[in-house]
Amino acid sequence: MVRLVFHDAGSYSAAAGDGGVNASIRFELDRPDNFGLKRGWNVIEATDKKLKGTAAEGAVSKADLIALAGAYAVRITGGPAIQVAVGRQDAAAADPDGRMPELDFSAEQQLANFAAKGLSAQEFVVLSGSHTLGSKGYGDPVTFDNTYYKTLLQQPWVDKSNEMAQHTGIPTDHVLPDDPTCRPLIQRYAADQAAFFADFAAAYDKMASLGARWA
C-alpha cells in the first residue's frame, strides 16, 4: 500500500504541472515499474465499493483512498500517525510515463528525479526509509522503524562471502551511503528514530499532495 502511494505520486512533474496523486495508477498497472501493484489497487477498489451509500461517497476519492491507505499501513506497522486531508480529484486517464527512478540510477540521478517533483534531498532520504517495510531485508518486514538506515550504514551487500546479504536492498539503496549528500541524513535517521518518524510524516504529507487537484 505504501508503494502504491509512491508510484501514484511519482508521475508528478513540477515543471509540467501534471501527474501526482490522482489515482491515475489504475491506468498504469501494466507498466514494468508498477509490477505487483495490482494487489494494492484491489484493496482501493474494494474499499471504494464499501463507501457506496455512505456519507463518504462522493467526498472521498480513489486518490484520497490511496493516500489514506498508505498512511494507515505506516501506522499499523508501528510508524508515525499521519494526518491525511481528503478532496483530491481522480484523473480520467494515465499520467505521462518515464518519470519514476530507474533501478540503476545513481544517487545523483535519484536526487535529481525527486527534485523534479519538488522534493528535497532530505525528503528523498526520509521517504526512502519506507523500504524498511516489505521483503528487502531491512529487519522485520512488517515493522516500520529506522532499521533501513542502520543497515545502509553497515552495507552488508559488500560481503561477497555472505550470499544472503547480497539480496539486502535494491541497487538504488546501495549507492546512497557513499553519497556525500545522502550519508549525513542516513546517519541522522539511523541514530534518531523519533526524528525519522517526524520528518517522514511531514514528507509523506507533502508527497501525498503532489499535483493534487482539490475538490
N, C-alpha and C. Protein backbone atom coordinates (compact mmCIF):
# COMPACT_ATOMS: atom_id res chain seq x y z
N MET A 1 0.82 -1.20 0.00
CA MET A 1 0.00 0.00 0.00
C MET A 1 0.86 1.26 0.00
N VAL A 2 1.98 1.22 0.72
CA VAL A 2 2.87 2.38 0.75
C VAL A 2 3.50 2.59 -0.62
N ARG A 3 3.88 1.50 -1.25
CA ARG A 3 4.48 1.59 -2.59
C ARG A 3 3.48 2.16 -3.59
N LEU A 4 2.20 1.84 -3.43
CA LEU A 4 1.17 2.35 -4.33
C LEU A 4 1.13 3.88 -4.29
N VAL A 5 1.27 4.46 -3.10
CA VAL A 5 1.28 5.91 -2.98
C VAL A 5 2.47 6.51 -3.72
N PHE A 6 3.65 5.92 -3.50
CA PHE A 6 4.85 6.42 -4.17
C PHE A 6 4.69 6.40 -5.68
N HIS A 7 4.13 5.34 -6.20
CA HIS A 7 4.05 5.20 -7.65
C HIS A 7 2.94 6.06 -8.24
N ASP A 8 1.89 6.34 -7.49
CA ASP A 8 0.89 7.27 -7.98
C ASP A 8 1.45 8.69 -7.96
N ALA A 9 2.18 9.03 -6.91
CA ALA A 9 2.78 10.36 -6.78
C ALA A 9 3.94 10.55 -7.75
N GLY A 10 4.62 9.45 -8.09
CA GLY A 10 5.86 9.53 -8.86
C GLY A 10 5.73 10.05 -10.27
N SER A 11 4.51 10.15 -10.76
CA SER A 11 4.30 10.67 -12.12
C SER A 11 4.28 12.20 -12.14
N TYR A 12 4.42 12.83 -10.98
CA TYR A 12 4.33 14.29 -10.92
C TYR A 12 5.57 14.96 -11.49
N SER A 13 5.34 16.03 -12.24
CA SER A 13 6.42 16.88 -12.74
C SER A 13 6.11 18.31 -12.34
N ALA A 14 6.99 18.91 -11.56
CA ALA A 14 6.76 20.29 -11.14
C ALA A 14 6.82 21.23 -12.34
N ALA A 15 7.71 20.94 -13.29
CA ALA A 15 7.85 21.81 -14.46
C ALA A 15 6.62 21.75 -15.36
N ALA A 16 6.12 20.52 -15.58
CA ALA A 16 4.96 20.36 -16.46
C ALA A 16 3.65 20.67 -15.73
N GLY A 17 3.68 20.54 -14.41
CA GLY A 17 2.47 20.80 -13.63
C GLY A 17 1.41 19.74 -13.78
N ASP A 18 1.83 18.52 -14.10
CA ASP A 18 0.84 17.44 -14.21
C ASP A 18 1.33 16.19 -13.49
N GLY A 19 0.46 15.17 -13.45
CA GLY A 19 0.78 13.96 -12.71
C GLY A 19 0.46 14.12 -11.24
N GLY A 20 0.94 13.18 -10.44
CA GLY A 20 0.75 13.26 -9.00
C GLY A 20 -0.28 12.29 -8.46
N VAL A 21 -0.69 12.52 -7.23
CA VAL A 21 -1.61 11.61 -6.54
C VAL A 21 -3.04 11.91 -7.02
N ASN A 22 -3.47 11.13 -8.01
CA ASN A 22 -4.77 11.35 -8.65
C ASN A 22 -5.43 10.05 -9.08
N ALA A 23 -4.91 8.93 -8.58
CA ALA A 23 -5.43 7.60 -8.89
C ALA A 23 -5.25 7.21 -10.35
N SER A 24 -4.39 7.92 -11.07
CA SER A 24 -4.09 7.51 -12.45
C SER A 24 -3.38 6.17 -12.48
N ILE A 25 -2.86 5.75 -11.34
CA ILE A 25 -2.15 4.47 -11.26
C ILE A 25 -3.02 3.33 -11.76
N ARG A 26 -4.33 3.47 -11.68
CA ARG A 26 -5.22 2.39 -12.12
C ARG A 26 -5.14 2.17 -13.62
N PHE A 27 -4.67 3.18 -14.36
CA PHE A 27 -4.49 3.05 -15.81
C PHE A 27 -3.05 2.67 -16.17
N GLU A 28 -2.19 2.54 -15.16
CA GLU A 28 -0.75 2.38 -15.40
C GLU A 28 -0.18 1.09 -14.83
N LEU A 29 -1.05 0.18 -14.42
CA LEU A 29 -0.59 -1.03 -13.74
C LEU A 29 0.20 -1.97 -14.62
N ASP A 30 0.10 -1.82 -15.94
CA ASP A 30 0.84 -2.69 -16.86
C ASP A 30 2.26 -2.18 -17.12
N ARG A 31 2.60 -1.02 -16.61
CA ARG A 31 3.96 -0.51 -16.79
C ARG A 31 4.92 -1.35 -15.95
N PRO A 32 6.12 -1.65 -16.48
CA PRO A 32 7.06 -2.52 -15.74
C PRO A 32 7.38 -2.04 -14.34
N ASP A 33 7.51 -0.72 -14.14
CA ASP A 33 7.88 -0.24 -12.81
C ASP A 33 6.73 -0.34 -11.81
N ASN A 34 5.53 -0.67 -12.30
CA ASN A 34 4.38 -0.83 -11.40
C ASN A 34 4.03 -2.29 -11.17
N PHE A 35 4.95 -3.17 -11.52
CA PHE A 35 4.70 -4.61 -11.35
C PHE A 35 4.37 -4.92 -9.89
N GLY A 36 3.31 -5.69 -9.68
CA GLY A 36 2.92 -6.11 -8.34
C GLY A 36 1.95 -5.18 -7.64
N LEU A 37 1.67 -4.02 -8.23
CA LEU A 37 0.81 -3.04 -7.55
C LEU A 37 -0.68 -3.32 -7.74
N LYS A 38 -1.01 -4.28 -8.59
CA LYS A 38 -2.41 -4.64 -8.76
C LYS A 38 -3.02 -5.09 -7.44
N ARG A 39 -2.24 -5.76 -6.60
CA ARG A 39 -2.74 -6.21 -5.29
C ARG A 39 -3.15 -5.02 -4.43
N GLY A 40 -2.35 -3.99 -4.46
CA GLY A 40 -2.68 -2.79 -3.70
C GLY A 40 -3.90 -2.09 -4.26
N TRP A 41 -3.97 -2.02 -5.58
CA TRP A 41 -5.11 -1.36 -6.20
C TRP A 41 -6.41 -2.11 -5.91
N ASN A 42 -6.33 -3.43 -5.81
CA ASN A 42 -7.53 -4.21 -5.49
C ASN A 42 -8.11 -3.80 -4.13
N VAL A 43 -7.24 -3.46 -3.18
CA VAL A 43 -7.69 -3.00 -1.87
C VAL A 43 -8.44 -1.67 -2.01
N ILE A 44 -7.91 -0.78 -2.82
CA ILE A 44 -8.55 0.52 -3.04
C ILE A 44 -9.92 0.33 -3.67
N GLU A 45 -10.00 -0.51 -4.68
CA GLU A 45 -11.29 -0.75 -5.35
C GLU A 45 -12.31 -1.34 -4.38
N ALA A 46 -11.88 -2.30 -3.58
CA ALA A 46 -12.80 -2.94 -2.64
C ALA A 46 -13.29 -1.94 -1.60
N THR A 47 -12.39 -1.08 -1.14
CA THR A 47 -12.78 -0.07 -0.15
C THR A 47 -13.74 0.95 -0.76
N ASP A 48 -13.44 1.35 -1.99
CA ASP A 48 -14.30 2.32 -2.67
C ASP A 48 -15.73 1.79 -2.79
N LYS A 49 -15.86 0.52 -3.09
CA LYS A 49 -17.19 -0.09 -3.21
C LYS A 49 -17.93 -0.07 -1.88
N LYS A 50 -17.18 -0.25 -0.79
CA LYS A 50 -17.81 -0.26 0.54
C LYS A 50 -18.29 1.13 0.97
N LEU A 51 -17.80 2.16 0.30
CA LEU A 51 -18.21 3.52 0.64
C LEU A 51 -19.53 3.91 -0.03
N LYS A 52 -19.96 3.13 -1.00
CA LYS A 52 -21.20 3.44 -1.71
C LYS A 52 -22.37 3.46 -0.72
N GLY A 53 -23.16 4.50 -0.80
CA GLY A 53 -24.32 4.61 0.08
C GLY A 53 -24.01 5.16 1.45
N THR A 54 -22.74 5.55 1.69
CA THR A 54 -22.36 6.15 2.97
C THR A 54 -22.11 7.64 2.78
N ALA A 55 -21.88 8.34 3.87
CA ALA A 55 -21.60 9.77 3.80
C ALA A 55 -20.29 10.07 3.07
N ALA A 56 -19.40 9.06 2.99
CA ALA A 56 -18.10 9.25 2.33
C ALA A 56 -18.20 9.19 0.82
N GLU A 57 -19.28 8.62 0.29
CA GLU A 57 -19.42 8.52 -1.16
C GLU A 57 -19.47 9.93 -1.77
N GLY A 58 -18.59 10.15 -2.74
CA GLY A 58 -18.52 11.46 -3.37
C GLY A 58 -17.63 12.45 -2.65
N ALA A 59 -17.31 12.17 -1.39
CA ALA A 59 -16.45 13.07 -0.62
C ALA A 59 -15.01 12.55 -0.54
N VAL A 60 -14.86 11.22 -0.62
CA VAL A 60 -13.54 10.59 -0.56
C VAL A 60 -13.28 9.92 -1.90
N SER A 61 -12.29 10.41 -2.63
CA SER A 61 -11.98 9.90 -3.96
C SER A 61 -11.07 8.68 -3.89
N LYS A 62 -10.85 8.05 -5.01
CA LYS A 62 -9.89 6.94 -5.07
C LYS A 62 -8.49 7.43 -4.76
N ALA A 63 -8.16 8.63 -5.21
CA ALA A 63 -6.85 9.21 -4.89
C ALA A 63 -6.70 9.42 -3.38
N ASP A 64 -7.78 9.87 -2.74
CA ASP A 64 -7.76 10.01 -1.28
C ASP A 64 -7.52 8.66 -0.62
N LEU A 65 -8.19 7.63 -1.12
CA LEU A 65 -8.07 6.30 -0.52
C LEU A 65 -6.62 5.79 -0.63
N ILE A 66 -5.96 6.08 -1.73
CA ILE A 66 -4.56 5.67 -1.88
C ILE A 66 -3.71 6.34 -0.81
N ALA A 67 -3.88 7.65 -0.64
CA ALA A 67 -3.10 8.39 0.38
C ALA A 67 -3.43 7.91 1.79
N LEU A 68 -4.71 7.67 2.05
CA LEU A 68 -5.13 7.20 3.37
C LEU A 68 -4.61 5.79 3.66
N ALA A 69 -4.66 4.91 2.65
CA ALA A 69 -4.23 3.53 2.85
C ALA A 69 -2.74 3.45 3.15
N GLY A 70 -1.93 4.25 2.45
CA GLY A 70 -0.50 4.26 2.72
C GLY A 70 -0.20 4.73 4.13
N ALA A 71 -0.88 5.79 4.56
CA ALA A 71 -0.68 6.31 5.91
C ALA A 71 -1.11 5.29 6.96
N TYR A 72 -2.21 4.61 6.68
CA TYR A 72 -2.70 3.58 7.62
C TYR A 72 -1.70 2.44 7.72
N ALA A 73 -1.12 2.03 6.59
CA ALA A 73 -0.14 0.94 6.60
C ALA A 73 1.07 1.30 7.44
N VAL A 74 1.51 2.55 7.35
CA VAL A 74 2.64 3.02 8.16
C VAL A 74 2.29 2.95 9.65
N ARG A 75 1.09 3.42 9.98
CA ARG A 75 0.71 3.49 11.40
C ARG A 75 0.56 2.10 12.02
N ILE A 76 -0.11 1.18 11.32
CA ILE A 76 -0.38 -0.12 11.94
C ILE A 76 0.87 -1.00 12.01
N THR A 77 1.95 -0.60 11.32
CA THR A 77 3.21 -1.35 11.42
C THR A 77 4.17 -0.68 12.40
N GLY A 78 3.67 0.29 13.16
CA GLY A 78 4.48 0.89 14.21
C GLY A 78 5.06 2.25 13.89
N GLY A 79 4.73 2.78 12.73
CA GLY A 79 5.26 4.08 12.34
C GLY A 79 4.42 5.23 12.86
N PRO A 80 4.72 6.44 12.42
CA PRO A 80 4.02 7.63 12.92
C PRO A 80 2.59 7.71 12.39
N ALA A 81 1.74 8.36 13.15
CA ALA A 81 0.38 8.68 12.69
C ALA A 81 0.48 9.88 11.77
N ILE A 82 -0.12 9.77 10.59
CA ILE A 82 -0.03 10.83 9.58
C ILE A 82 -1.44 11.33 9.25
N GLN A 83 -1.65 12.61 9.44
CA GLN A 83 -2.94 13.20 9.10
C GLN A 83 -3.02 13.38 7.58
N VAL A 84 -4.11 12.91 6.99
CA VAL A 84 -4.27 12.98 5.53
C VAL A 84 -5.56 13.72 5.20
N ALA A 85 -5.43 14.83 4.48
CA ALA A 85 -6.60 15.57 4.03
C ALA A 85 -7.27 14.81 2.88
N VAL A 86 -8.56 15.06 2.68
CA VAL A 86 -9.27 14.44 1.57
C VAL A 86 -9.85 15.54 0.67
N GLY A 87 -10.20 15.14 -0.55
CA GLY A 87 -10.74 16.09 -1.51
C GLY A 87 -9.99 16.10 -2.83
N ARG A 88 -9.07 15.15 -3.02
CA ARG A 88 -8.35 15.06 -4.29
C ARG A 88 -9.31 14.61 -5.39
N GLN A 89 -9.10 15.12 -6.58
CA GLN A 89 -9.89 14.69 -7.73
C GLN A 89 -9.17 13.56 -8.45
N ASP A 90 -9.91 12.60 -8.95
CA ASP A 90 -9.34 11.47 -9.67
C ASP A 90 -9.09 11.82 -11.13
N ALA A 91 -7.98 11.33 -11.66
CA ALA A 91 -7.68 11.52 -13.08
C ALA A 91 -8.57 10.61 -13.93
N ALA A 92 -8.79 11.01 -15.17
CA ALA A 92 -9.62 10.23 -16.09
C ALA A 92 -8.77 9.41 -17.06
N ALA A 93 -7.45 9.58 -17.00
CA ALA A 93 -6.57 8.87 -17.92
C ALA A 93 -5.20 8.71 -17.27
N ALA A 94 -4.33 7.96 -17.92
CA ALA A 94 -2.98 7.73 -17.40
C ALA A 94 -2.15 9.00 -17.43
N ASP A 95 -1.22 9.11 -16.48
CA ASP A 95 -0.24 10.20 -16.48
C ASP A 95 0.93 9.83 -17.39
N PRO A 96 1.77 10.81 -17.76
CA PRO A 96 2.93 10.52 -18.60
C PRO A 96 3.84 9.46 -17.98
N ASP A 97 4.43 8.65 -18.83
CA ASP A 97 5.33 7.57 -18.39
C ASP A 97 6.76 8.11 -18.28
N GLY A 98 7.63 7.31 -17.67
CA GLY A 98 9.06 7.62 -17.65
C GLY A 98 9.50 8.58 -16.58
N ARG A 99 8.69 8.79 -15.55
CA ARG A 99 9.06 9.75 -14.51
C ARG A 99 9.48 9.10 -13.20
N MET A 100 9.44 7.78 -13.12
CA MET A 100 9.88 7.08 -11.92
C MET A 100 11.39 6.82 -12.00
N PRO A 101 12.08 6.77 -10.85
CA PRO A 101 13.51 6.42 -10.86
C PRO A 101 13.73 5.01 -11.40
N GLU A 102 14.81 4.84 -12.13
CA GLU A 102 15.17 3.52 -12.64
C GLU A 102 16.01 2.78 -11.59
N LEU A 103 16.00 1.45 -11.65
CA LEU A 103 16.72 0.64 -10.66
C LEU A 103 18.23 0.83 -10.71
N ASP A 104 18.75 1.33 -11.84
CA ASP A 104 20.20 1.52 -11.95
C ASP A 104 20.61 2.98 -11.78
N PHE A 105 19.70 3.81 -11.26
CA PHE A 105 20.03 5.22 -11.05
C PHE A 105 21.09 5.37 -9.98
N SER A 106 22.00 6.31 -10.20
CA SER A 106 22.95 6.69 -9.16
C SER A 106 22.24 7.53 -8.12
N ALA A 107 22.93 7.82 -7.03
CA ALA A 107 22.34 8.68 -6.01
C ALA A 107 22.02 10.06 -6.59
N GLU A 108 22.93 10.57 -7.41
CA GLU A 108 22.72 11.89 -8.01
C GLU A 108 21.49 11.89 -8.92
N GLN A 109 21.30 10.83 -9.66
CA GLN A 109 20.13 10.74 -10.54
C GLN A 109 18.83 10.64 -9.74
N GLN A 110 18.88 9.91 -8.64
CA GLN A 110 17.69 9.81 -7.79
C GLN A 110 17.34 11.16 -7.17
N LEU A 111 18.36 11.87 -6.70
CA LEU A 111 18.12 13.19 -6.11
C LEU A 111 17.53 14.14 -7.15
N ALA A 112 18.04 14.07 -8.38
CA ALA A 112 17.53 14.93 -9.44
C ALA A 112 16.09 14.56 -9.79
N ASN A 113 15.79 13.26 -9.78
CA ASN A 113 14.43 12.80 -10.08
C ASN A 113 13.43 13.34 -9.06
N PHE A 114 13.81 13.28 -7.79
CA PHE A 114 12.92 13.78 -6.74
C PHE A 114 12.86 15.31 -6.77
N ALA A 115 13.96 15.96 -7.11
CA ALA A 115 13.96 17.42 -7.21
C ALA A 115 13.00 17.89 -8.30
N ALA A 116 12.90 17.10 -9.38
CA ALA A 116 11.97 17.45 -10.47
C ALA A 116 10.52 17.36 -10.02
N LYS A 117 10.28 16.67 -8.92
CA LYS A 117 8.94 16.57 -8.34
C LYS A 117 8.72 17.61 -7.23
N GLY A 118 9.77 18.39 -6.95
CA GLY A 118 9.67 19.39 -5.90
C GLY A 118 10.02 18.88 -4.53
N LEU A 119 10.72 17.74 -4.46
CA LEU A 119 11.10 17.14 -3.18
C LEU A 119 12.60 17.32 -2.95
N SER A 120 12.97 17.70 -1.74
CA SER A 120 14.37 17.96 -1.41
C SER A 120 15.15 16.68 -1.17
N ALA A 121 16.47 16.83 -1.02
CA ALA A 121 17.32 15.67 -0.72
C ALA A 121 16.90 15.05 0.61
N GLN A 122 16.60 15.89 1.59
CA GLN A 122 16.17 15.37 2.90
C GLN A 122 14.86 14.61 2.77
N GLU A 123 13.93 15.12 1.99
CA GLU A 123 12.65 14.44 1.79
C GLU A 123 12.84 13.14 1.02
N PHE A 124 13.75 13.13 0.07
CA PHE A 124 14.05 11.89 -0.65
C PHE A 124 14.58 10.82 0.30
N VAL A 125 15.55 11.17 1.12
CA VAL A 125 16.16 10.20 2.02
C VAL A 125 15.16 9.70 3.06
N VAL A 126 14.36 10.60 3.61
CA VAL A 126 13.42 10.16 4.65
C VAL A 126 12.30 9.31 4.06
N LEU A 127 11.85 9.62 2.86
CA LEU A 127 10.81 8.80 2.23
C LEU A 127 11.36 7.43 1.84
N SER A 128 12.64 7.35 1.51
CA SER A 128 13.26 6.07 1.19
C SER A 128 13.24 5.13 2.39
N GLY A 129 13.09 5.68 3.58
CA GLY A 129 13.02 4.86 4.78
C GLY A 129 11.85 3.91 4.81
N SER A 130 10.86 4.13 3.96
CA SER A 130 9.73 3.20 3.89
C SER A 130 10.15 1.83 3.38
N HIS A 131 11.35 1.74 2.81
CA HIS A 131 11.87 0.44 2.37
C HIS A 131 12.09 -0.52 3.54
N THR A 132 11.98 0.00 4.75
CA THR A 132 12.07 -0.88 5.92
C THR A 132 10.92 -1.88 5.93
N LEU A 133 9.81 -1.53 5.26
CA LEU A 133 8.69 -2.46 5.11
C LEU A 133 8.90 -3.35 3.89
N GLY A 134 8.35 -4.55 3.94
CA GLY A 134 8.46 -5.45 2.80
C GLY A 134 9.62 -6.41 2.94
N SER A 135 9.95 -7.04 1.85
CA SER A 135 10.92 -8.15 1.89
C SER A 135 12.27 -7.77 1.32
N LYS A 136 12.73 -6.54 1.59
CA LYS A 136 14.01 -6.09 1.06
C LYS A 136 15.18 -6.40 2.00
N GLY A 137 14.91 -7.01 3.15
CA GLY A 137 15.99 -7.43 4.03
C GLY A 137 16.33 -6.46 5.13
N TYR A 138 15.50 -5.45 5.33
CA TYR A 138 15.78 -4.46 6.37
C TYR A 138 14.99 -4.77 7.63
N GLY A 139 15.37 -5.79 8.33
CA GLY A 139 14.71 -6.14 9.59
C GLY A 139 13.37 -6.82 9.36
N ASP A 140 12.48 -6.67 10.36
CA ASP A 140 11.15 -7.26 10.29
C ASP A 140 10.36 -6.61 9.15
N PRO A 141 9.87 -7.38 8.19
CA PRO A 141 9.20 -6.80 7.03
C PRO A 141 7.88 -6.11 7.31
N VAL A 142 7.31 -6.32 8.51
CA VAL A 142 6.05 -5.67 8.84
C VAL A 142 6.20 -4.75 10.05
N THR A 143 7.41 -4.24 10.25
CA THR A 143 7.65 -3.26 11.32
C THR A 143 8.28 -2.02 10.73
N PHE A 144 7.62 -0.89 10.92
CA PHE A 144 8.13 0.39 10.43
C PHE A 144 9.04 0.99 11.50
N ASP A 145 10.33 1.01 11.22
CA ASP A 145 11.30 1.58 12.15
C ASP A 145 12.48 2.11 11.35
N ASN A 146 13.58 2.44 12.01
CA ASN A 146 14.74 3.02 11.32
C ASN A 146 15.81 1.99 10.97
N THR A 147 15.45 0.71 10.94
CA THR A 147 16.42 -0.34 10.60
C THR A 147 17.02 -0.13 9.22
N TYR A 148 16.24 0.43 8.32
CA TYR A 148 16.72 0.70 6.95
C TYR A 148 18.03 1.48 6.99
N TYR A 149 18.07 2.55 7.76
CA TYR A 149 19.24 3.42 7.80
C TYR A 149 20.42 2.74 8.47
N LYS A 150 20.15 2.01 9.54
CA LYS A 150 21.23 1.28 10.21
C LYS A 150 21.86 0.26 9.27
N THR A 151 21.02 -0.40 8.48
CA THR A 151 21.52 -1.41 7.55
C THR A 151 22.30 -0.75 6.41
N LEU A 152 21.84 0.40 5.93
CA LEU A 152 22.57 1.10 4.88
C LEU A 152 24.00 1.41 5.32
N LEU A 153 24.16 1.83 6.56
CA LEU A 153 25.50 2.17 7.06
C LEU A 153 26.37 0.93 7.20
N GLN A 154 25.76 -0.22 7.47
CA GLN A 154 26.52 -1.48 7.59
C GLN A 154 26.91 -2.03 6.23
N GLN A 155 26.14 -1.71 5.20
CA GLN A 155 26.39 -2.16 3.82
C GLN A 155 26.67 -3.67 3.74
N PRO A 156 25.76 -4.51 4.20
CA PRO A 156 26.02 -5.96 4.21
C PRO A 156 26.24 -6.56 2.84
N TRP A 157 25.74 -5.91 1.80
CA TRP A 157 25.86 -6.46 0.44
C TRP A 157 27.30 -6.47 -0.09
N VAL A 158 28.21 -5.77 0.60
CA VAL A 158 29.61 -5.78 0.13
C VAL A 158 30.35 -7.04 0.56
N ASP A 159 29.74 -7.81 1.47
CA ASP A 159 30.35 -9.06 1.94
C ASP A 159 30.02 -10.17 0.96
N LYS A 160 30.94 -10.43 0.04
CA LYS A 160 30.70 -11.41 -1.02
C LYS A 160 30.64 -12.84 -0.50
N SER A 161 31.10 -13.06 0.73
CA SER A 161 31.07 -14.41 1.30
C SER A 161 29.70 -14.76 1.87
N ASN A 162 28.85 -13.77 2.03
CA ASN A 162 27.52 -13.97 2.59
C ASN A 162 26.50 -13.84 1.47
N GLU A 163 26.05 -14.98 0.98
CA GLU A 163 25.13 -14.97 -0.16
C GLU A 163 23.81 -14.29 0.16
N MET A 164 23.29 -14.50 1.38
CA MET A 164 22.02 -13.88 1.75
C MET A 164 22.14 -12.36 1.79
N ALA A 165 23.29 -11.88 2.26
CA ALA A 165 23.48 -10.43 2.37
C ALA A 165 23.45 -9.75 1.01
N GLN A 166 23.76 -10.50 -0.04
CA GLN A 166 23.75 -9.94 -1.38
C GLN A 166 22.35 -9.52 -1.81
N HIS A 167 21.34 -10.08 -1.14
CA HIS A 167 19.95 -9.80 -1.52
C HIS A 167 19.32 -8.71 -0.65
N THR A 168 20.12 -8.08 0.21
CA THR A 168 19.60 -6.99 1.03
C THR A 168 19.45 -5.74 0.19
N GLY A 169 18.26 -5.18 0.19
CA GLY A 169 18.04 -3.93 -0.53
C GLY A 169 18.03 -4.09 -2.04
N ILE A 170 17.99 -2.96 -2.70
CA ILE A 170 18.00 -2.90 -4.17
C ILE A 170 19.12 -1.96 -4.59
N PRO A 171 19.53 -2.01 -5.87
CA PRO A 171 20.67 -1.19 -6.31
C PRO A 171 20.55 0.29 -5.98
N THR A 172 19.35 0.85 -6.04
CA THR A 172 19.21 2.28 -5.74
C THR A 172 19.42 2.58 -4.25
N ASP A 173 19.27 1.58 -3.39
CA ASP A 173 19.62 1.74 -1.97
C ASP A 173 21.13 1.71 -1.79
N HIS A 174 21.77 0.79 -2.49
CA HIS A 174 23.19 0.52 -2.26
C HIS A 174 24.08 1.74 -2.52
N VAL A 175 23.66 2.61 -3.40
CA VAL A 175 24.52 3.76 -3.77
C VAL A 175 24.38 4.93 -2.79
N LEU A 176 23.40 4.89 -1.91
CA LEU A 176 23.13 6.05 -1.06
C LEU A 176 24.15 6.29 0.04
N PRO A 177 24.67 5.25 0.74
CA PRO A 177 25.58 5.52 1.85
C PRO A 177 26.88 6.21 1.43
N ASP A 178 27.28 6.06 0.19
CA ASP A 178 28.53 6.66 -0.27
C ASP A 178 28.34 8.05 -0.87
N ASP A 179 27.10 8.51 -0.93
CA ASP A 179 26.85 9.83 -1.50
C ASP A 179 27.01 10.90 -0.42
N PRO A 180 27.76 11.96 -0.68
CA PRO A 180 28.04 12.96 0.36
C PRO A 180 26.81 13.75 0.80
N THR A 181 25.79 13.81 -0.03
CA THR A 181 24.56 14.49 0.36
C THR A 181 23.68 13.59 1.21
N CYS A 182 23.60 12.32 0.82
CA CYS A 182 22.70 11.39 1.50
C CYS A 182 23.25 10.85 2.81
N ARG A 183 24.55 10.65 2.88
CA ARG A 183 25.12 9.96 4.05
C ARG A 183 24.83 10.66 5.38
N PRO A 184 25.00 11.98 5.50
CA PRO A 184 24.69 12.61 6.79
C PRO A 184 23.23 12.44 7.20
N LEU A 185 22.34 12.42 6.24
CA LEU A 185 20.92 12.23 6.54
C LEU A 185 20.66 10.80 6.98
N ILE A 186 21.32 9.84 6.34
CA ILE A 186 21.21 8.43 6.74
C ILE A 186 21.71 8.26 8.16
N GLN A 187 22.84 8.89 8.47
CA GLN A 187 23.40 8.80 9.82
C GLN A 187 22.45 9.41 10.85
N ARG A 188 21.82 10.53 10.50
CA ARG A 188 20.88 11.17 11.42
C ARG A 188 19.72 10.25 11.75
N TYR A 189 19.13 9.65 10.73
CA TYR A 189 17.94 8.82 10.97
C TYR A 189 18.30 7.47 11.57
N ALA A 190 19.52 6.99 11.33
CA ALA A 190 19.96 5.75 11.98
C ALA A 190 20.12 5.97 13.48
N ALA A 191 20.49 7.18 13.86
CA ALA A 191 20.74 7.48 15.28
C ALA A 191 19.50 7.97 16.02
N ASP A 192 18.48 8.43 15.28
CA ASP A 192 17.34 9.07 15.92
C ASP A 192 16.03 8.67 15.23
N GLN A 193 15.39 7.62 15.75
CA GLN A 193 14.15 7.14 15.14
C GLN A 193 13.02 8.17 15.27
N ALA A 194 13.00 8.91 16.35
CA ALA A 194 11.96 9.91 16.53
C ALA A 194 12.05 11.00 15.45
N ALA A 195 13.27 11.39 15.12
CA ALA A 195 13.46 12.38 14.05
C ALA A 195 13.01 11.80 12.71
N PHE A 196 13.31 10.54 12.49
CA PHE A 196 12.86 9.87 11.27
C PHE A 196 11.35 9.89 11.17
N PHE A 197 10.68 9.52 12.24
CA PHE A 197 9.21 9.47 12.24
C PHE A 197 8.61 10.85 11.97
N ALA A 198 9.12 11.86 12.64
CA ALA A 198 8.57 13.21 12.48
C ALA A 198 8.79 13.72 11.06
N ASP A 199 9.99 13.52 10.54
CA ASP A 199 10.29 14.00 9.19
C ASP A 199 9.58 13.18 8.13
N PHE A 200 9.41 11.88 8.39
CA PHE A 200 8.70 11.05 7.42
C PHE A 200 7.24 11.50 7.31
N ALA A 201 6.60 11.76 8.44
CA ALA A 201 5.20 12.18 8.42
C ALA A 201 5.03 13.47 7.61
N ALA A 202 5.95 14.41 7.79
CA ALA A 202 5.86 15.67 7.05
C ALA A 202 6.10 15.46 5.56
N ALA A 203 7.10 14.64 5.23
CA ALA A 203 7.41 14.39 3.81
C ALA A 203 6.31 13.59 3.14
N TYR A 204 5.71 12.65 3.87
CA TYR A 204 4.61 11.85 3.31
C TYR A 204 3.44 12.76 2.97
N ASP A 205 3.11 13.68 3.88
CA ASP A 205 2.00 14.60 3.65
C ASP A 205 2.24 15.42 2.39
N LYS A 206 3.47 15.88 2.20
CA LYS A 206 3.80 16.66 1.01
C LYS A 206 3.71 15.80 -0.24
N MET A 207 4.29 14.60 -0.18
CA MET A 207 4.26 13.71 -1.34
C MET A 207 2.84 13.34 -1.73
N ALA A 208 1.98 13.09 -0.73
CA ALA A 208 0.61 12.66 -0.99
C ALA A 208 -0.26 13.79 -1.52
N SER A 209 0.31 14.99 -1.60
CA SER A 209 -0.42 16.13 -2.15
C SER A 209 0.16 16.60 -3.49
N LEU A 210 1.22 15.95 -3.96
CA LEU A 210 1.84 16.37 -5.21
C LEU A 210 0.83 16.33 -6.36
N GLY A 211 0.69 17.44 -7.04
CA GLY A 211 -0.19 17.50 -8.20
C GLY A 211 -1.65 17.39 -7.93
N ALA A 212 -2.04 17.36 -6.67
CA ALA A 212 -3.45 17.14 -6.34
C ALA A 212 -4.31 18.30 -6.85
N ARG A 213 -5.44 17.92 -7.44
CA ARG A 213 -6.48 18.88 -7.80
C ARG A 213 -7.58 18.72 -6.76
N TRP A 214 -7.76 19.75 -5.96
CA TRP A 214 -8.66 19.61 -4.80
C TRP A 214 -10.09 20.00 -5.18
N ALA A 215 -11.03 19.21 -4.72
CA ALA A 215 -12.45 19.47 -5.00
C ALA A 215 -12.93 20.67 -4.18
